Amino acid sequence: MNLVDLVLTVCTLADPTSCRTEHLYFESHGSLIQCMMLAPVEIAKWAENHPGLKIVRWKCVFPEKGGEI
């Protein structure tokens, strides 16, 4: 199974300068373009469960080989 990493940069609503990176992994359907098309749905699901955070940036990448998931 090939995975794709949806990398989110999120900031707290209480302090917009307090930001961090979150990673969402899901099955790749072949390309990063496919990830870009599926990402808005995954982002909306994540945001619904994290109401105190605002997503300010996101990108799709393939996870590094040998990296932790």
C-alpha atoms as a PDB file:
ATOM      1  CA  MET A   1       0.000   0.000   0.000  1.00  0.00           C
ATOM      2  CA  ASN A   2       1.338   3.430  -0.948  1.00  0.00           C
ATOM      3  CA  LEU A   3       0.637   6.315   1.374  1.00  0.00           C
ATOM      4  CA  VAL A   4       0.473  10.045   0.860  1.00  0.00           C
ATOM      5  CA  ASP A   5       1.135  12.612   3.583  1.00  0.00           C
ATOM      6  CA  LEU A   6      -1.208  15.576   3.806  1.00  0.00           C
ATOM      7  CA  VAL A   7       0.852  18.134   5.719  1.00  0.00           C
ATOM      8  CA  LEU A   8      -1.161  20.815   7.519  1.00  0.00           C
ATOM      9  CA  THR A   9       0.170  23.962   9.131  1.00  0.00           C
ATOM     10  CA  VAL A  10      -2.277  24.867  11.876  1.00  0.00           C
ATOM     11  CA  CYS A  11      -2.411  27.805  14.292  1.00  0.00           C
ATOM     12  CA  THR A  12      -4.438  28.297  17.442  1.00  0.00           C
ATOM     13  CA  LEU A  13      -7.328  30.730  17.219  1.00  0.00           C
ATOM     14  CA  ALA A  14      -6.384  32.218  20.594  1.00  0.00           C
ATOM     15  CA  ASP A  15      -2.808  32.954  19.456  1.00  0.00           C
ATOM     16  CA  PRO A  16      -2.401  32.997  15.657  1.00  0.00           C
ATOM     17  CA  THR A  17       1.398  33.102  16.043  1.00  0.00           C
ATOM     18  CA  SER A  18       1.350  29.721  17.793  1.00  0.00           C
ATOM     19  CA  CYS A  19       1.501  27.264  14.909  1.00  0.00           C
ATOM     20  CA  ARG A  20       2.497  23.658  14.392  1.00  0.00           C
ATOM     21  CA  THR A  21       2.567  20.980  11.712  1.00  0.00           C
ATOM     22  CA  GLU A  22       0.101  18.092  11.592  1.00  0.00           C
ATOM     23  CA  HIS A  23       0.329  15.067   9.289  1.00  0.00           C
ATOM     24  CA  LEU A  24      -2.636  13.134   7.889  1.00  0.00           C
ATOM     25  CA  TYR A  25      -1.753   9.911   6.099  1.00  0.00           C
ATOM     26  CA  PHE A  26      -4.035   8.100   3.726  1.00  0.00           C
ATOM     27  CA  GLU A  27      -3.831   5.665   0.848  1.00  0.00           C
ATOM     28  CA  SER A  28      -2.413   7.101  -2.332  1.00  0.00           C
ATOM     29  CA  HIS A  29      -4.418   6.611  -5.479  1.00  0.00           C
ATOM     30  CA  GLY A  30      -1.420   7.158  -7.704  1.00  0.00           C
ATOM     31  CA  SER A  31      -0.337  10.767  -7.625  1.00  0.00           C
ATOM     32  CA  LEU A  32       0.000  13.922  -5.597  1.00  0.00           C
ATOM     33  CA  ILE A  33      -2.546  15.548  -7.896  1.00  0.00           C
ATOM     34  CA  GLN A  34      -5.087  12.978  -6.702  1.00  0.00           C
ATOM     35  CA  CYS A  35      -4.153  13.915  -3.127  1.00  0.00           C
ATOM     36  CA  MET A  36      -4.735  17.583  -3.923  1.00  0.00           C
ATOM     37  CA  MET A  37      -8.218  16.721  -5.162  1.00  0.00           C
ATOM     38  CA  LEU A  38      -9.059  14.591  -2.098  1.00  0.00           C
ATOM     39  CA  ALA A  39      -7.431  16.917   0.440  1.00  0.00           C
ATOM     40  CA  PRO A  40     -10.308  19.401   0.986  1.00  0.00           C
ATOM     41  CA  VAL A  41     -12.570  16.620   2.294  1.00  0.00           C
ATOM     42  CA  GLU A  42      -9.876  15.320   4.656  1.00  0.00           C
ATOM     43  CA  ILE A  43      -9.057  18.858   5.789  1.00  0.00           C
ATOM     44  CA  ALA A  44     -12.729  19.566   6.536  1.00  0.00           C
ATOM     45  CA  LYS A  45     -13.011  16.376   8.614  1.00  0.00           C
ATOM     46  CA  TRP A  46      -9.867  17.261  10.577  1.00  0.00           C
ATOM     47  CA  ALA A  47     -10.971  20.863  11.135  1.00  0.00           C
ATOM     48  CA  GLU A  48     -14.374  19.740  12.431  1.00  0.00           C
ATOM     49  CA  ASN A  49     -12.633  17.749  15.172  1.00  0.00           C
ATOM     50  CA  HIS A  50     -10.227  20.583  16.069  1.00  0.00           C
ATOM     51  CA  PRO A  51     -12.390  23.714  16.501  1.00  0.00           C
ATOM     52  CA  GLY A  52      -9.680  25.707  18.324  1.00  0.00           C
ATOM     53  CA  LEU A  53      -7.283  25.510  15.393  1.00  0.00           C
ATOM     54  CA  LYS A  54      -7.151  27.217  12.009  1.00  0.00           C
ATOM     55  CA  ILE A  55      -5.482  25.598   9.000  1.00  0.00           C
ATOM     56  CA  VAL A  56      -3.296  28.210   7.343  1.00  0.00           C
ATOM     57  CA  ARG A  57      -1.428  26.063   4.806  1.00  0.00           C
ATOM     58  CA  TRP A  58      -1.414  22.544   3.432  1.00  0.00           C
ATOM     59  CA  LYS A  59       0.432  20.407   0.908  1.00  0.00           C
ATOM     60  CA  CYS A  60       0.626  16.824  -0.278  1.00  0.00           C
ATOM     61  CA  VAL A  61       3.901  14.904  -0.236  1.00  0.00           C
ATOM     62  CA  PHE A  62       4.970  11.294  -0.374  1.00  0.00           C
ATOM     63  CA  PRO A  63       6.298  10.169   3.020  1.00  0.00           C
ATOM     64  CA  GLU A  64      10.041   9.706   3.233  1.00  0.00           C
ATOM     65  CA  LYS A  65      11.112   6.085   2.934  1.00  0.00           C
ATOM     66  CA  GLY A  66      12.060   4.746   6.338  1.00  0.00           C
ATOM     67  CA  GLY A  67      10.358   7.647   8.116  1.00  0.00           C
ATOM     68  CA  GLU A  68       7.871   7.236  10.927  1.00  0.00           C
ATOM     69  CA  ILE A  69       4.170   7.237  10.162  1.00  0.00           C
END
